Amino acid sequence: MTPEQQALRMSVRGVLARHASGRSIAELTEATIDDDAELWRMLCGQIGVAGLAVPERFGGLGAGLVETHVVVDELGRNLTPSPMLGCAVLAGQALLHTEDESACRRILPDLVAGRRLAALGWTDHHGDWDPHRPAYAATEDGRLTGEAHYVLDAHRADVLLVAAGTPEGTRLFEVDARHAGVHRRLVTTMDLTRRLGVVTLDEAPGRQLGGTNPLERVRDIASVALSGEQVGAAARALELTVAHALTRVQFGRPIGGFQAVAHRLADLHVEVDSARSLSYAAASSLDSDAADAPLLAAGAAVYCAEALERAAAEMIQLHGGIGITWEHDAHRYFKRAHGAAHLFGHPRAHVARLAETVIGRDGGGPPATSSDRCADAQRPGPESSTSRTG
């Protein structure tokens, strides 16, 4: 972390602390849309979080994805509901990577300022997030039909972007969210801190953005951003569990003083720190457009999802009886862990991508780089949580 990135982290943490004002995660989750919108305006107006990875010519700050990573890391700590992942990362980066200059100049300044929100409709009910199998189909005159699931913040979006199949391949389209052919509905999710919706288009007119398919790159960016959120949540789950272990007394001593508990927490600390290292390495590789960026993105998607799952599971078990009550936050971290694992491709799909890369390398591809060896070192061993992926 540079001093500027550390300052960004503390600024975001300060805004979130002031907004929470002693409220629990449950209270923040049940807050109104207006309350969520106020927090988003504060984050955009005071810090400029939505424009960190947006070039200055479009109203952004021209920083990078690592700075965006710092923000999602902090938002993940307390499972803060916000449009950061869906609007600033997924939709915003999809728009940028269409390389449609006029559309970027028209849409991005309002997104950066927090005046409008965007949502990206991409995958169907299978939720495989395949860049070449979008949820919608487009006719020659730009009419769009289909149904996208797992659309982040769909119910609040002012700008609707959709991925649709055309004779030339998958392309991104802009759709008027208020058109009669657009139907949106909020769905009940296991993770109540994540707002997802279904967007159905019935011959809705769309404006094609650019002439390329940006989703391959966008999937890597979104997966890495999600891994940062997972790392933040895992670190906070570990902090809360350690705090409990130091204050919960059994047999005349804190339970953290027992070797079995201490070793479990130590192992979890190593796993969370390893996940953080891999997640930030993946973000840095995307910023530098490194050749191994897709490999690191897939590795971060797998490892960080498993790190949060383990942290949440240990949190529940080591808290004992209170860990399974509705009032305690342990179950919320557990639900975030399992819900997030399905966004932008299940870890199994990313493992398949890693396998294809490794097999290609062993079959005569380029030699392993230092980043490859780092990723290999981060990969869990046979005694770790990898066996739980299936």
Protein backbone atom coordinates (compact mmCIF):
# COMPACT_ATOMS: atom_id res chain seq x y z
CA MET A 1 0.00 0.00 0.00
CA THR A 2 1.24 3.46 -0.90
CA PRO A 3 0.54 6.33 1.53
CA GLU A 4 -2.20 7.53 -0.84
CA GLN A 5 -3.85 4.11 -0.87
CA GLN A 6 -3.67 3.91 2.93
CA ALA A 7 -5.27 7.35 3.15
CA LEU A 8 -8.00 6.19 0.77
CA ARG A 9 -8.66 3.17 2.96
CA MET A 10 -9.01 5.27 6.10
CA SER A 11 -11.22 7.81 4.33
CA VAL A 12 -13.63 5.11 3.18
CA ARG A 13 -13.63 3.51 6.63
CA GLY A 14 -14.37 6.89 8.21
CA VAL A 15 -17.34 7.59 5.92
CA LEU A 16 -18.77 4.11 6.56
CA ALA A 17 -18.34 4.52 10.32
CA ARG A 18 -20.14 7.87 10.31
CA HIS A 19 -22.93 6.48 8.17
CA ALA A 20 -23.39 3.43 10.38
CA SER A 21 -23.50 5.50 13.61
CA GLY A 22 -23.60 2.43 15.79
CA ARG A 23 -26.16 0.57 13.66
CA SER A 24 -25.70 -3.15 13.20
CA ILE A 25 -25.28 -4.90 9.86
CA ALA A 26 -28.86 -6.10 10.18
CA GLU A 27 -30.12 -2.52 10.56
CA LEU A 28 -28.06 -1.34 7.60
CA THR A 29 -29.36 -4.22 5.51
CA GLU A 30 -32.95 -3.30 6.30
CA ALA A 31 -32.36 0.39 5.57
CA THR A 32 -34.42 2.17 2.95
CA ILE A 33 -33.33 2.84 -0.62
CA ASP A 34 -33.01 6.52 0.28
CA ASP A 35 -30.55 5.64 3.04
CA ASP A 36 -28.45 3.56 0.62
CA ALA A 37 -28.55 6.38 -1.90
CA GLU A 38 -27.34 8.88 0.70
CA LEU A 39 -24.31 6.71 1.52
CA TRP A 40 -23.52 6.35 -2.19
CA ARG A 41 -23.70 10.13 -2.67
CA MET A 42 -21.31 10.58 0.27
CA LEU A 43 -18.82 8.04 -1.10
CA CYS A 44 -18.94 9.56 -4.59
CA GLY A 45 -19.03 13.19 -3.51
CA GLN A 46 -16.46 13.11 -0.71
CA ILE A 47 -14.06 10.45 -2.01
CA GLY A 48 -14.95 9.84 -5.65
CA VAL A 49 -15.07 6.05 -5.34
CA ALA A 50 -17.05 5.51 -8.55
CA GLY A 51 -14.46 7.33 -10.62
CA LEU A 52 -11.25 5.81 -9.30
CA ALA A 53 -10.73 3.59 -12.35
CA VAL A 54 -12.31 5.99 -14.84
CA PRO A 55 -10.09 8.22 -17.03
CA GLU A 56 -10.12 11.93 -16.29
CA ARG A 57 -11.59 12.76 -19.72
CA PHE A 58 -14.79 11.01 -18.62
CA GLY A 59 -14.94 12.79 -15.27
CA GLY A 60 -13.02 10.18 -13.26
CA LEU A 61 -9.90 10.38 -11.14
CA GLY A 62 -7.72 8.30 -13.46
CA ALA A 63 -6.29 6.17 -10.64
CA GLY A 64 -6.64 2.43 -11.18
CA LEU A 65 -8.21 -0.86 -10.27
CA VAL A 66 -6.00 -1.26 -7.19
CA GLU A 67 -7.57 1.88 -5.73
CA THR A 68 -11.00 0.50 -6.55
CA HIS A 69 -9.86 -2.68 -4.81
CA VAL A 70 -9.16 -0.75 -1.60
CA VAL A 71 -12.74 0.52 -1.62
CA VAL A 72 -14.43 -2.85 -2.21
CA ASP A 73 -12.15 -4.36 0.47
CA GLU A 74 -13.51 -1.83 2.98
CA LEU A 75 -17.12 -2.26 1.85
CA GLY A 76 -16.74 -6.01 2.25
CA ARG A 77 -15.61 -5.71 5.88
CA ASN A 78 -19.08 -4.83 7.14
CA LEU A 79 -21.07 -6.24 4.21
CA THR A 80 -22.12 -2.69 3.30
CA PRO A 81 -24.90 -2.64 0.67
CA SER A 82 -23.77 -0.30 -2.10
CA PRO A 83 -23.74 -0.05 -5.92
CA MET A 84 -19.92 -0.15 -6.00
CA LEU A 85 -19.61 -3.66 -7.44
CA GLY A 86 -22.60 -3.56 -9.76
CA CYS A 87 -22.44 0.02 -11.00
CA ALA A 88 -18.87 1.33 -10.68
CA VAL A 89 -17.09 -1.95 -11.42
CA LEU A 90 -19.27 -4.22 -13.54
CA ALA A 91 -21.34 -1.74 -15.56
CA GLY A 92 -18.77 1.05 -15.56
CA GLN A 93 -15.90 -1.13 -16.74
CA ALA A 94 -18.10 -2.85 -19.32
CA LEU A 95 -18.95 0.55 -20.78
CA LEU A 96 -15.30 1.64 -20.77
CA HIS A 97 -14.18 -1.52 -22.53
CA THR A 98 -16.66 -1.09 -25.37
CA GLU A 99 -14.31 1.74 -26.41
CA ASP A 100 -17.38 3.71 -27.46
CA GLU A 101 -16.05 7.23 -26.83
CA SER A 102 -19.34 9.06 -27.30
CA ALA A 103 -21.27 6.70 -25.00
CA CYS A 104 -18.59 7.00 -22.32
CA ARG A 105 -18.68 10.80 -22.49
CA ARG A 106 -22.47 10.76 -22.29
CA ILE A 107 -22.95 8.23 -19.47
CA LEU A 108 -19.85 7.99 -17.29
CA PRO A 109 -19.75 11.52 -15.79
CA ASP A 110 -23.16 10.99 -14.17
CA LEU A 111 -22.13 7.55 -12.87
CA VAL A 112 -18.89 8.95 -11.45
CA ALA A 113 -20.73 11.77 -9.67
CA GLY A 114 -23.28 9.38 -8.19
CA ARG A 115 -26.18 11.14 -9.90
CA ARG A 116 -27.22 8.02 -11.79
CA LEU A 117 -26.78 4.26 -11.36
CA ALA A 118 -26.11 1.64 -14.01
CA ALA A 119 -26.77 -2.09 -14.05
CA LEU A 120 -25.48 -4.77 -16.41
CA GLY A 121 -27.74 -7.62 -17.53
CA TRP A 122 -25.52 -10.48 -18.62
CA THR A 123 -26.18 -14.06 -17.57
CA ASP A 124 -29.30 -16.21 -17.77
CA HIS A 125 -30.76 -18.37 -14.99
CA HIS A 126 -27.82 -20.80 -15.24
CA GLY A 127 -25.54 -18.09 -13.86
CA ASP A 128 -22.43 -19.24 -15.71
CA TRP A 129 -21.35 -15.69 -16.77
CA ASP A 130 -20.02 -16.99 -20.07
CA PRO A 131 -18.79 -14.01 -22.15
CA HIS A 132 -20.04 -15.74 -25.30
CA ARG A 133 -23.45 -16.84 -24.03
CA PRO A 134 -25.40 -13.73 -23.00
CA ALA A 135 -28.95 -13.71 -21.72
CA TYR A 136 -30.39 -11.64 -24.55
CA ALA A 137 -30.68 -11.90 -28.32
CA ALA A 138 -30.71 -8.90 -30.65
CA THR A 139 -32.47 -8.57 -33.98
CA GLU A 140 -30.97 -6.73 -36.94
CA ASP A 141 -32.93 -3.57 -36.07
CA GLY A 142 -31.68 -3.61 -32.46
CA ARG A 143 -34.69 -5.14 -30.70
CA LEU A 144 -33.71 -7.13 -27.62
CA THR A 145 -35.45 -10.13 -26.09
CA GLY A 146 -34.50 -12.35 -23.16
CA GLU A 147 -34.21 -12.52 -19.40
CA ALA A 148 -31.11 -11.82 -17.32
CA HIS A 149 -30.76 -13.06 -13.76
CA TYR A 150 -28.47 -12.01 -10.90
CA VAL A 151 -28.46 -8.37 -12.07
CA LEU A 152 -26.84 -6.29 -9.35
CA ASP A 153 -28.96 -3.30 -8.24
CA ALA A 154 -31.35 -3.80 -11.14
CA HIS A 155 -34.25 -2.21 -9.26
CA ARG A 156 -32.41 1.11 -8.85
CA ALA A 157 -30.66 1.45 -12.21
CA ASP A 158 -31.20 4.58 -14.28
CA VAL A 159 -28.96 3.25 -17.06
CA LEU A 160 -29.45 -0.32 -18.23
CA LEU A 161 -26.66 -2.07 -20.13
CA VAL A 162 -27.28 -5.54 -21.54
CA ALA A 163 -25.16 -8.17 -23.26
CA ALA A 164 -26.85 -9.64 -26.31
CA GLY A 165 -26.01 -12.11 -29.04
CA THR A 166 -25.78 -10.73 -32.58
CA PRO A 167 -24.67 -12.29 -35.89
CA GLU A 168 -21.22 -10.76 -35.22
CA GLY A 169 -21.04 -12.19 -31.69
CA THR A 170 -21.80 -10.82 -28.24
CA ARG A 171 -22.20 -7.05 -28.06
CA LEU A 172 -23.17 -4.55 -25.38
CA PHE A 173 -26.34 -2.48 -25.75
CA GLU A 174 -27.82 0.47 -23.89
CA VAL A 175 -31.53 0.17 -23.13
CA ASP A 176 -33.95 2.77 -21.77
CA ALA A 177 -34.85 1.38 -18.34
CA ARG A 178 -38.27 3.06 -18.51
CA HIS A 179 -39.33 1.54 -21.83
CA ALA A 180 -42.55 -0.50 -21.83
CA GLY A 181 -40.64 -3.56 -23.01
CA VAL A 182 -38.41 -3.54 -19.91
CA HIS A 183 -39.59 -5.43 -16.82
CA ARG A 184 -37.56 -5.50 -13.62
CA ARG A 185 -38.19 -7.32 -10.38
CA LEU A 186 -36.22 -7.57 -7.19
CA VAL A 187 -35.68 -11.12 -5.95
CA THR A 188 -35.27 -12.44 -2.43
CA THR A 189 -31.71 -13.61 -1.91
CA MET A 190 -30.08 -15.77 0.73
CA ASP A 191 -27.60 -12.95 1.31
CA LEU A 192 -29.84 -10.02 2.25
CA THR A 193 -26.94 -7.57 1.96
CA ARG A 194 -26.75 -8.21 -1.80
CA ARG A 195 -29.54 -6.70 -3.93
CA LEU A 196 -30.13 -8.79 -7.08
CA GLY A 197 -32.87 -8.65 -9.66
CA VAL A 198 -34.23 -10.16 -12.86
CA VAL A 199 -34.51 -8.01 -15.98
CA THR A 200 -36.80 -9.18 -18.78
CA LEU A 201 -36.75 -7.51 -22.20
CA ASP A 202 -39.60 -7.95 -24.63
CA GLU A 203 -38.48 -6.50 -27.98
CA ALA A 204 -37.06 -3.47 -26.21
CA PRO A 205 -35.04 -1.14 -28.46
CA GLY A 206 -31.33 -0.97 -27.75
CA ARG A 207 -28.38 1.11 -28.88
CA GLN A 208 -25.25 -0.92 -29.63
CA LEU A 209 -22.13 0.30 -27.84
CA GLY A 210 -18.89 -0.28 -29.70
CA GLY A 211 -18.11 -3.13 -32.03
CA THR A 212 -16.38 -5.65 -29.78
CA ASN A 213 -17.25 -8.04 -26.97
CA PRO A 214 -15.85 -6.56 -23.72
CA LEU A 215 -17.06 -9.31 -21.40
CA GLU A 216 -13.93 -11.49 -21.33
CA ARG A 217 -11.95 -8.66 -19.78
CA VAL A 218 -14.88 -7.45 -17.67
CA ARG A 219 -15.30 -10.90 -16.11
CA ASP A 220 -11.69 -10.80 -14.92
CA ILE A 221 -12.10 -7.28 -13.53
CA ALA A 222 -15.35 -8.15 -11.75
CA SER A 223 -13.96 -11.43 -10.36
CA VAL A 224 -10.93 -9.66 -8.93
CA ALA A 225 -13.05 -6.87 -7.43
CA LEU A 226 -15.30 -9.51 -5.86
CA SER A 227 -12.22 -11.24 -4.43
CA GLY A 228 -11.28 -7.95 -2.74
CA GLU A 229 -14.73 -7.77 -1.19
CA GLN A 230 -14.39 -11.39 -0.03
CA VAL A 231 -10.98 -10.66 1.51
CA GLY A 232 -12.39 -7.70 3.43
CA ALA A 233 -15.26 -9.83 4.76
CA ALA A 234 -12.94 -12.72 5.66
CA ALA A 235 -10.55 -10.40 7.52
CA ARG A 236 -13.41 -8.89 9.53
CA ALA A 237 -14.85 -12.32 10.31
CA LEU A 238 -11.43 -13.35 11.60
CA GLU A 239 -11.13 -10.18 13.71
CA LEU A 240 -14.52 -10.74 15.33
CA THR A 241 -13.72 -14.39 16.01
CA VAL A 242 -10.35 -13.59 17.59
CA ALA A 243 -12.00 -10.92 19.75
CA HIS A 244 -14.56 -13.47 20.92
CA ALA A 245 -11.88 -16.07 21.63
CA LEU A 246 -10.04 -13.60 23.86
CA THR A 247 -13.09 -12.74 25.94
CA ARG A 248 -15.14 -15.96 26.07
CA VAL A 249 -14.09 -17.83 29.21
CA GLN A 250 -14.38 -21.59 29.65
CA PHE A 251 -12.78 -23.66 32.42
CA GLY A 252 -11.39 -20.48 33.95
CA ARG A 253 -9.53 -19.15 30.90
CA PRO A 254 -10.28 -17.51 27.53
CA ILE A 255 -10.95 -20.14 24.87
CA GLY A 256 -8.28 -18.51 22.71
CA GLY A 257 -5.72 -19.77 25.20
CA PHE A 258 -6.44 -23.38 24.31
CA GLN A 259 -4.00 -24.74 21.77
CA ALA A 260 -6.63 -26.29 19.50
CA VAL A 261 -8.47 -22.97 19.12
CA ALA A 262 -5.27 -20.93 18.78
CA HIS A 263 -3.98 -23.18 16.00
CA ARG A 264 -7.24 -22.95 14.07
CA LEU A 265 -7.17 -19.18 14.27
CA ALA A 266 -3.50 -19.08 13.27
CA ASP A 267 -4.20 -21.25 10.21
CA LEU A 268 -7.12 -18.99 9.31
CA HIS A 269 -4.92 -15.90 9.66
CA VAL A 270 -2.43 -17.36 7.17
CA GLU A 271 -5.21 -18.25 4.73
CA VAL A 272 -6.79 -14.79 4.89
CA ASP A 273 -3.44 -13.03 4.47
CA SER A 274 -2.58 -15.29 1.53
CA ALA A 275 -5.94 -14.49 -0.04
CA ARG A 276 -5.31 -10.77 0.40
CA SER A 277 -1.89 -11.05 -1.26
CA LEU A 278 -3.28 -12.96 -4.23
CA SER A 279 -6.26 -10.63 -4.59
CA TYR A 280 -4.15 -7.48 -4.68
CA ALA A 281 -1.61 -9.13 -6.99
CA ALA A 282 -4.46 -9.90 -9.39
CA ALA A 283 -5.70 -6.29 -9.23
CA SER A 284 -2.19 -5.00 -9.88
CA SER A 285 -1.76 -7.33 -12.86
CA LEU A 286 -4.98 -5.99 -14.40
CA ASP A 287 -3.77 -2.42 -13.94
CA SER A 288 -0.48 -3.21 -15.67
CA ASP A 289 -2.21 -5.33 -18.34
CA ALA A 290 0.15 -8.21 -17.54
CA ALA A 291 0.04 -11.34 -19.66
CA ASP A 292 -0.82 -13.50 -16.65
CA ALA A 293 -3.69 -11.26 -15.48
CA PRO A 294 -6.43 -13.77 -16.50
CA LEU A 295 -4.58 -16.54 -14.63
CA LEU A 296 -4.27 -14.47 -11.47
CA ALA A 297 -7.89 -13.35 -11.76
CA ALA A 298 -9.11 -16.94 -11.91
CA GLY A 299 -6.81 -17.92 -9.03
CA ALA A 300 -8.07 -15.05 -6.88
CA ALA A 301 -11.68 -15.94 -7.66
CA VAL A 302 -11.14 -19.49 -6.38
CA TYR A 303 -8.85 -18.90 -3.42
CA CYS A 304 -10.60 -15.85 -1.99
CA ALA A 305 -14.03 -17.48 -2.22
CA GLU A 306 -12.74 -20.46 -0.25
CA ALA A 307 -10.98 -18.22 2.28
CA LEU A 308 -14.22 -16.41 3.07
CA GLU A 309 -16.17 -19.66 3.25
CA ARG A 310 -13.70 -21.05 5.78
CA ALA A 311 -13.54 -17.80 7.80
CA ALA A 312 -17.33 -17.65 8.00
CA ALA A 313 -17.61 -21.32 8.96
CA GLU A 314 -14.97 -20.97 11.70
CA MET A 315 -16.69 -17.81 12.91
CA ILE A 316 -19.94 -19.68 13.45
CA GLN A 317 -18.34 -22.72 15.09
CA LEU A 318 -15.99 -20.84 17.42
CA HIS A 319 -18.74 -18.49 18.55
CA GLY A 320 -20.67 -21.52 19.79
CA GLY A 321 -24.40 -21.16 20.34
CA ILE A 322 -24.60 -17.43 19.65
CA GLY A 323 -23.02 -17.99 16.24
CA ILE A 324 -26.23 -19.52 14.91
CA THR A 325 -28.63 -16.87 16.23
CA TRP A 326 -30.35 -14.37 13.95
CA GLU A 327 -29.15 -11.44 16.07
CA HIS A 328 -25.45 -12.24 15.61
CA ASP A 329 -23.71 -11.29 12.37
CA ALA A 330 -21.97 -14.65 11.89
CA HIS A 331 -24.72 -16.05 9.67
CA ARG A 332 -24.59 -12.93 7.50
CA TYR A 333 -20.92 -13.51 6.71
CA PHE A 334 -21.70 -17.16 6.03
CA LYS A 335 -24.47 -16.21 3.59
CA ARG A 336 -22.26 -13.62 1.89
CA ALA A 337 -19.58 -16.29 1.47
CA HIS A 338 -21.86 -18.75 -0.26
CA GLY A 339 -23.79 -16.17 -2.26
CA ALA A 340 -20.68 -14.41 -3.55
CA ALA A 341 -19.14 -17.70 -4.66
CA HIS A 342 -21.74 -17.88 -7.45
CA LEU A 343 -21.20 -14.39 -8.85
CA PHE A 344 -19.18 -14.05 -12.08
CA GLY A 345 -18.69 -17.81 -12.30
CA HIS A 346 -18.54 -20.49 -9.63
CA PRO A 347 -15.05 -21.41 -8.36
CA ARG A 348 -15.36 -24.70 -10.27
CA ALA A 349 -15.55 -22.74 -13.53
CA HIS A 350 -12.47 -20.73 -12.62
CA VAL A 351 -10.63 -23.92 -11.67
CA ALA A 352 -11.42 -25.20 -15.17
CA ARG A 353 -9.92 -22.02 -16.64
CA LEU A 354 -6.79 -22.51 -14.54
CA ALA A 355 -6.57 -26.13 -15.64
CA GLU A 356 -6.79 -25.17 -19.30
CA THR A 357 -3.98 -22.65 -18.82
CA VAL A 358 -1.74 -25.09 -16.97
CA ILE A 359 -2.37 -27.91 -19.44
CA GLY A 360 -1.63 -25.54 -22.31
CA ARG A 361 1.64 -24.53 -20.66
CA ASP A 362 2.66 -28.13 -19.98
CA GLY A 363 1.79 -29.01 -23.55
CA GLY A 364 4.40 -26.70 -25.01
CA GLY A 365 3.18 -23.25 -24.00
CA PRO A 366 5.40 -20.46 -22.63
CA PRO A 367 7.49 -21.20 -19.54
CA ALA A 368 6.14 -20.37 -16.10
CA THR A 369 6.76 -16.79 -14.96
CA SER A 370 7.42 -15.64 -11.40
CA SER A 371 3.73 -14.75 -11.12
CA ASP A 372 2.81 -18.27 -12.20
CA ARG A 373 5.04 -19.73 -9.52
CA CYS A 374 3.50 -17.34 -6.98
CA ALA A 375 0.03 -18.50 -7.99
CA ASP A 376 1.15 -22.13 -7.68
CA ALA A 377 2.48 -21.40 -4.20
CA GLN A 378 -0.82 -19.78 -3.19
CA ARG A 379 -2.77 -22.82 -4.38
CA PRO A 380 -4.06 -24.80 -1.34
CA GLY A 381 -2.49 -28.14 -0.54
CA PRO A 382 -4.27 -31.46 -0.14
CA GLU A 383 -5.07 -30.79 3.52
CA SER A 384 -6.71 -27.42 2.80
CA SER A 385 -10.14 -26.18 1.83
CA THR A 386 -9.75 -27.04 -1.84
CA SER A 387 -11.54 -30.32 -1.23
CA ARG A 388 -14.59 -28.34 -0.18
CA THR A 389 -14.96 -26.60 -3.55
CA GLY A 390 -17.08 -29.39 -4.92
